Amino acid sequence: MDRMFAVYLLASKPYGTLYCGHTDDLARRIWEHREKVRKGFTSKYGVGRLVWYELCETREGVLIRERQIKKWNRAWKIQMIEAVNPTWADLYETLNC
């Protein structure tokens, strides 16, 4: 299978602090956030719950989508999360790692 890219949203808790990022290895990158492997925003604010993600076929596509989402207001991001994950469950456990 060809490499897939992902844009994702993390939350500290339901309706908590949100973070948008992208990666070419979703399971690994979310693990890094959860384990606070790198110092930065997510480790500082305890943001490690994967609440939404979308796969893209190209690096260009994922970068465009990430930039689009980062421009959105918070209400739109919450609406997008709740459309597919109304309980704000941590989707990390559902990834095929």
N, C-alpha and C. Protein backbone atom coordinates (compact mmCIF):
# COMPACT_ATOMS: atom_id res chain seq x y z
N MET A 1 0.83 -1.18 0.00
CA MET A 1 0.00 0.00 0.00
C MET A 1 0.87 1.24 0.00
N ASP A 2 0.47 2.24 -0.74
CA ASP A 2 1.21 3.48 -0.79
C ASP A 2 1.13 4.20 0.54
N ARG A 3 2.08 5.07 0.78
CA ARG A 3 2.11 5.86 2.01
C ARG A 3 0.88 6.75 2.07
N MET A 4 0.27 6.80 3.24
CA MET A 4 -0.87 7.69 3.48
C MET A 4 -0.44 8.76 4.46
N PHE A 5 -0.97 9.92 4.28
CA PHE A 5 -0.70 11.05 5.15
C PHE A 5 -1.97 11.36 5.94
N ALA A 6 -1.80 11.95 7.10
CA ALA A 6 -2.97 12.24 7.93
C ALA A 6 -2.87 13.64 8.53
N VAL A 7 -4.00 14.30 8.56
CA VAL A 7 -4.16 15.53 9.34
C VAL A 7 -5.02 15.13 10.53
N TYR A 8 -4.72 15.68 11.70
CA TYR A 8 -5.40 15.21 12.91
C TYR A 8 -5.64 16.34 13.89
N LEU A 9 -6.61 16.10 14.77
CA LEU A 9 -6.88 17.01 15.88
C LEU A 9 -6.72 16.24 17.18
N LEU A 10 -5.98 16.83 18.10
CA LEU A 10 -5.83 16.31 19.45
C LEU A 10 -6.55 17.25 20.40
N ALA A 11 -6.99 16.71 21.52
CA ALA A 11 -7.62 17.52 22.57
C ALA A 11 -7.06 17.11 23.92
N SER A 12 -7.05 18.05 24.85
CA SER A 12 -6.61 17.74 26.21
C SER A 12 -7.70 16.99 26.96
N LYS A 13 -8.96 17.26 26.61
CA LYS A 13 -10.15 16.63 27.19
C LYS A 13 -11.32 17.08 26.32
N PRO A 14 -12.51 16.55 26.52
CA PRO A 14 -13.64 17.06 25.74
C PRO A 14 -13.79 18.58 25.91
N TYR A 15 -13.86 19.28 24.83
CA TYR A 15 -13.97 20.74 24.78
C TYR A 15 -12.76 21.46 25.37
N GLY A 16 -11.65 20.74 25.50
CA GLY A 16 -10.43 21.33 26.04
C GLY A 16 -9.59 21.98 24.96
N THR A 17 -8.31 22.09 25.24
CA THR A 17 -7.35 22.66 24.32
C THR A 17 -7.23 21.77 23.09
N LEU A 18 -7.22 22.39 21.91
CA LEU A 18 -7.12 21.65 20.65
C LEU A 18 -5.77 21.90 19.98
N TYR A 19 -5.32 20.90 19.23
CA TYR A 19 -4.08 21.01 18.46
C TYR A 19 -4.30 20.32 17.11
N CYS A 20 -3.89 20.97 16.05
CA CYS A 20 -3.99 20.41 14.70
C CYS A 20 -2.59 20.14 14.17
N GLY A 21 -2.38 18.95 13.61
CA GLY A 21 -1.09 18.60 13.05
C GLY A 21 -1.25 17.67 11.86
N HIS A 22 -0.11 17.32 11.25
CA HIS A 22 -0.12 16.36 10.15
C HIS A 22 1.08 15.44 10.27
N THR A 23 0.99 14.28 9.61
CA THR A 23 2.06 13.29 9.71
C THR A 23 1.95 12.30 8.56
N ASP A 24 3.02 11.53 8.38
CA ASP A 24 2.96 10.42 7.43
C ASP A 24 2.94 9.08 8.17
N ASP A 25 2.86 9.13 9.51
CA ASP A 25 2.76 7.92 10.34
C ASP A 25 1.92 8.28 11.57
N LEU A 26 0.62 8.17 11.44
CA LEU A 26 -0.31 8.65 12.46
C LEU A 26 -0.10 7.98 13.82
N ALA A 27 -0.02 6.66 13.85
CA ALA A 27 0.14 5.96 15.13
C ALA A 27 1.41 6.40 15.85
N ARG A 28 2.52 6.46 15.12
CA ARG A 28 3.79 6.87 15.73
C ARG A 28 3.71 8.30 16.26
N ARG A 29 3.15 9.21 15.46
CA ARG A 29 3.10 10.62 15.86
C ARG A 29 2.20 10.84 17.07
N ILE A 30 1.08 10.16 17.12
CA ILE A 30 0.19 10.32 18.27
C ILE A 30 0.86 9.73 19.51
N TRP A 31 1.54 8.62 19.36
CA TRP A 31 2.30 8.04 20.48
C TRP A 31 3.31 9.06 21.00
N GLU A 32 4.01 9.74 20.10
CA GLU A 32 4.98 10.76 20.51
C GLU A 32 4.31 11.88 21.31
N HIS A 33 3.13 12.32 20.86
CA HIS A 33 2.40 13.35 21.62
C HIS A 33 2.03 12.82 23.00
N ARG A 34 1.49 11.62 23.05
CA ARG A 34 1.01 11.04 24.32
C ARG A 34 2.15 10.84 25.32
N GLU A 35 3.31 10.44 24.81
CA GLU A 35 4.47 10.17 25.67
C GLU A 35 5.32 11.41 25.90
N LYS A 36 4.92 12.53 25.32
CA LYS A 36 5.64 13.81 25.47
C LYS A 36 7.11 13.67 25.06
N VAL A 37 7.33 13.00 23.93
CA VAL A 37 8.67 12.76 23.42
C VAL A 37 9.37 14.07 23.06
N ARG A 38 8.61 15.00 22.52
CA ARG A 38 9.17 16.30 22.12
C ARG A 38 8.57 17.40 22.98
N LYS A 39 9.40 18.35 23.35
CA LYS A 39 8.91 19.51 24.09
C LYS A 39 8.14 20.40 23.12
N GLY A 40 7.06 20.97 23.58
CA GLY A 40 6.28 21.85 22.72
C GLY A 40 4.88 22.05 23.26
N PHE A 41 4.02 22.53 22.39
CA PHE A 41 2.65 22.88 22.76
C PHE A 41 1.90 21.72 23.39
N THR A 42 1.92 20.56 22.75
CA THR A 42 1.11 19.44 23.25
C THR A 42 1.61 18.91 24.58
N SER A 43 2.91 18.89 24.80
CA SER A 43 3.41 18.42 26.09
C SER A 43 3.16 19.48 27.17
N LYS A 44 3.27 20.74 26.83
CA LYS A 44 3.04 21.82 27.79
C LYS A 44 1.59 21.86 28.28
N TYR A 45 0.63 21.63 27.35
CA TYR A 45 -0.78 21.75 27.68
C TYR A 45 -1.50 20.40 27.85
N GLY A 46 -0.75 19.31 27.86
CA GLY A 46 -1.35 18.00 28.08
C GLY A 46 -2.33 17.57 27.00
N VAL A 47 -2.00 17.88 25.76
CA VAL A 47 -2.88 17.58 24.63
C VAL A 47 -2.41 16.27 24.00
N GLY A 48 -3.18 15.19 24.20
CA GLY A 48 -2.75 13.90 23.67
C GLY A 48 -3.88 12.97 23.28
N ARG A 49 -5.11 13.45 23.33
CA ARG A 49 -6.27 12.62 22.99
C ARG A 49 -6.59 12.82 21.51
N LEU A 50 -6.44 11.77 20.70
CA LEU A 50 -6.76 11.84 19.28
C LEU A 50 -8.28 11.82 19.12
N VAL A 51 -8.86 12.95 18.68
CA VAL A 51 -10.32 13.03 18.60
C VAL A 51 -10.83 13.08 17.16
N TRP A 52 -9.95 13.32 16.20
CA TRP A 52 -10.38 13.37 14.80
C TRP A 52 -9.14 13.22 13.93
N TYR A 53 -9.32 12.53 12.79
CA TYR A 53 -8.25 12.51 11.79
C TYR A 53 -8.85 12.25 10.41
N GLU A 54 -8.10 12.64 9.42
CA GLU A 54 -8.50 12.45 8.02
C GLU A 54 -7.27 12.03 7.24
N LEU A 55 -7.41 11.00 6.42
CA LEU A 55 -6.29 10.52 5.61
C LEU A 55 -6.28 11.23 4.26
N CYS A 56 -5.08 11.48 3.77
CA CYS A 56 -4.88 12.10 2.46
C CYS A 56 -3.87 11.26 1.69
N GLU A 57 -3.99 11.26 0.39
CA GLU A 57 -3.09 10.44 -0.43
C GLU A 57 -1.75 11.10 -0.70
N THR A 58 -1.68 12.41 -0.60
CA THR A 58 -0.44 13.11 -0.92
C THR A 58 -0.01 14.05 0.20
N ARG A 59 1.29 14.31 0.25
CA ARG A 59 1.82 15.26 1.22
C ARG A 59 1.25 16.65 0.96
N GLU A 60 1.14 17.02 -0.30
CA GLU A 60 0.57 18.32 -0.64
C GLU A 60 -0.88 18.42 -0.14
N GLY A 61 -1.65 17.37 -0.32
CA GLY A 61 -3.05 17.36 0.11
C GLY A 61 -3.19 17.53 1.62
N VAL A 62 -2.33 16.85 2.37
CA VAL A 62 -2.43 16.94 3.82
C VAL A 62 -2.00 18.32 4.31
N LEU A 63 -1.01 18.91 3.67
CA LEU A 63 -0.57 20.25 4.06
C LEU A 63 -1.65 21.29 3.78
N ILE A 64 -2.31 21.17 2.65
CA ILE A 64 -3.41 22.08 2.30
C ILE A 64 -4.54 21.95 3.31
N ARG A 65 -4.90 20.72 3.63
CA ARG A 65 -6.00 20.48 4.57
C ARG A 65 -5.65 20.99 5.98
N GLU A 66 -4.42 20.78 6.41
CA GLU A 66 -4.01 21.27 7.73
C GLU A 66 -4.09 22.79 7.78
N ARG A 67 -3.58 23.46 6.77
CA ARG A 67 -3.64 24.93 6.74
C ARG A 67 -5.08 25.42 6.77
N GLN A 68 -5.95 24.73 6.04
CA GLN A 68 -7.36 25.09 6.01
C GLN A 68 -7.97 25.00 7.41
N ILE A 69 -7.75 23.88 8.08
CA ILE A 69 -8.33 23.66 9.40
C ILE A 69 -7.76 24.64 10.43
N LYS A 70 -6.47 24.94 10.35
CA LYS A 70 -5.86 25.86 11.30
C LYS A 70 -6.46 27.26 11.20
N LYS A 71 -7.02 27.62 10.05
CA LYS A 71 -7.65 28.93 9.87
C LYS A 71 -9.07 28.96 10.44
N TRP A 72 -9.65 27.80 10.66
CA TRP A 72 -11.03 27.73 11.15
C TRP A 72 -11.14 28.24 12.58
N ASN A 73 -12.34 28.70 12.92
CA ASN A 73 -12.56 29.06 14.32
C ASN A 73 -12.82 27.79 15.13
N ARG A 74 -12.73 27.94 16.42
CA ARG A 74 -12.86 26.79 17.33
C ARG A 74 -14.20 26.07 17.19
N ALA A 75 -15.28 26.81 17.02
CA ALA A 75 -16.61 26.20 16.90
C ALA A 75 -16.68 25.26 15.70
N TRP A 76 -16.06 25.63 14.58
CA TRP A 76 -16.07 24.77 13.40
C TRP A 76 -15.30 23.48 13.66
N LYS A 77 -14.17 23.59 14.36
CA LYS A 77 -13.37 22.40 14.68
C LYS A 77 -14.16 21.46 15.59
N ILE A 78 -14.82 22.03 16.59
CA ILE A 78 -15.63 21.22 17.50
C ILE A 78 -16.77 20.54 16.74
N GLN A 79 -17.39 21.26 15.84
CA GLN A 79 -18.47 20.69 15.03
C GLN A 79 -17.95 19.53 14.18
N MET A 80 -16.77 19.67 13.61
CA MET A 80 -16.18 18.61 12.80
C MET A 80 -15.88 17.38 13.66
N ILE A 81 -15.33 17.60 14.84
CA ILE A 81 -15.04 16.48 15.76
C ILE A 81 -16.33 15.75 16.11
N GLU A 82 -17.34 16.50 16.53
CA GLU A 82 -18.57 15.89 17.02
C GLU A 82 -19.39 15.21 15.92
N ALA A 83 -19.17 15.58 14.68
CA ALA A 83 -19.86 14.92 13.57
C ALA A 83 -19.46 13.45 13.46
N VAL A 84 -18.22 13.12 13.83
CA VAL A 84 -17.74 11.74 13.73
C VAL A 84 -17.39 11.12 15.07
N ASN A 85 -17.25 11.94 16.09
CA ASN A 85 -16.83 11.46 17.40
C ASN A 85 -17.55 12.26 18.50
N PRO A 86 -18.87 12.07 18.62
CA PRO A 86 -19.66 12.90 19.54
C PRO A 86 -19.29 12.74 21.02
N THR A 87 -18.65 11.64 21.38
CA THR A 87 -18.26 11.44 22.79
C THR A 87 -16.82 11.87 23.06
N TRP A 88 -16.14 12.35 22.05
CA TRP A 88 -14.74 12.76 22.17
C TRP A 88 -13.86 11.60 22.65
N ALA A 89 -14.17 10.40 22.20
CA ALA A 89 -13.38 9.23 22.56
C ALA A 89 -11.96 9.37 21.99
N ASP A 90 -11.00 8.75 22.66
CA ASP A 90 -9.62 8.75 22.18
C ASP A 90 -9.52 7.71 21.07
N LEU A 91 -9.34 8.16 19.85
CA LEU A 91 -9.30 7.28 18.69
C LEU A 91 -7.97 6.56 18.51
N TYR A 92 -7.00 6.89 19.33
CA TYR A 92 -5.69 6.24 19.23
C TYR A 92 -5.82 4.73 19.37
N GLU A 93 -6.68 4.30 20.27
CA GLU A 93 -6.86 2.87 20.50
C GLU A 93 -7.46 2.15 19.31
N THR A 94 -8.09 2.88 18.39
CA THR A 94 -8.71 2.24 17.23
C THR A 94 -7.76 2.16 16.03
N LEU A 95 -6.59 2.78 16.14
CA LEU A 95 -5.62 2.71 15.04
C LEU A 95 -5.02 1.32 14.98
N ASN A 96 -4.73 0.87 13.79
CA ASN A 96 -4.08 -0.43 13.62
C ASN A 96 -2.59 -0.25 13.73
N CYS A 97 -2.10 -0.26 14.96
CA CYS A 97 -0.67 -0.01 15.23
C CYS A 97 0.13 -1.28 15.08
